[in-house]
Amino acid sequence: MFVYVLIIFLSQFLIVTSRSKFPCLSIIDCPDLRYHTLQNCIRGFCVYLE
């Protein structure tokens, strides 16, 4: 039972990230994607957080 509770508790803190091949200089250069809520320009590429 403890393992199930631990898995559920820790899964709340996991964030899925995906790096695109869109080059950028600032966050304005990153296109808006439908299923990603947050976006940022990191190391010259757009990074999206779900």
Protein backbone atom coordinates (compact mmCIF):
# COMPACT_ATOMS: atom_id res chain seq x y z
CA MET A 1 0.00 0.00 0.00
CA PHE A 2 2.84 2.37 0.83
CA VAL A 3 4.35 1.92 -2.63
CA TYR A 4 1.09 2.89 -4.34
CA VAL A 5 0.76 6.04 -2.25
CA LEU A 6 4.39 6.94 -2.92
CA ILE A 7 3.95 6.53 -6.69
CA ILE A 8 0.82 8.67 -6.72
CA PHE A 9 2.47 11.34 -4.58
CA LEU A 10 5.64 11.53 -6.68
CA SER A 11 3.80 11.52 -10.01
CA GLN A 12 2.31 14.91 -9.18
CA PHE A 13 5.76 16.49 -9.41
CA LEU A 14 6.79 15.03 -12.75
CA ILE A 15 6.76 17.48 -15.64
CA VAL A 16 6.96 16.29 -19.20
CA THR A 17 9.24 18.37 -21.39
CA SER A 18 9.86 18.21 -25.08
CA ARG A 19 12.50 19.99 -27.08
CA SER A 20 11.66 21.05 -30.58
CA LYS A 21 13.85 21.75 -33.56
CA PHE A 22 12.60 25.34 -33.78
CA PRO A 23 15.57 27.70 -33.41
CA CYS A 24 14.90 30.81 -31.35
CA LEU A 25 16.53 33.87 -29.90
CA SER A 26 13.72 34.71 -27.47
CA ILE A 27 10.38 33.28 -26.36
CA ILE A 28 8.64 35.34 -29.04
CA ASP A 29 10.27 33.20 -31.74
CA CYS A 30 8.65 30.00 -30.41
CA PRO A 31 5.37 29.10 -32.14
CA ASP A 32 2.31 28.39 -30.01
CA LEU A 33 1.47 24.70 -29.99
CA ARG A 34 -1.97 23.41 -29.13
CA TYR A 35 -1.14 20.82 -26.47
CA HIS A 36 1.72 22.54 -24.65
CA THR A 37 0.92 24.97 -21.90
CA LEU A 38 4.30 26.59 -21.27
CA GLN A 39 7.09 27.44 -23.66
CA ASN A 40 10.57 28.87 -23.31
CA CYS A 41 13.69 29.48 -25.39
CA ILE A 42 16.61 27.56 -23.87
CA ARG A 43 20.02 27.26 -25.52
CA GLY A 44 18.69 28.46 -28.85
CA PHE A 45 15.77 26.01 -29.14
CA CYS A 46 12.13 26.17 -28.12
CA VAL A 47 11.30 23.99 -25.10
CA TYR A 48 7.69 23.10 -24.34
CA LEU A 49 6.26 21.97 -20.99
CA GLU A 50 3.02 20.03 -20.74
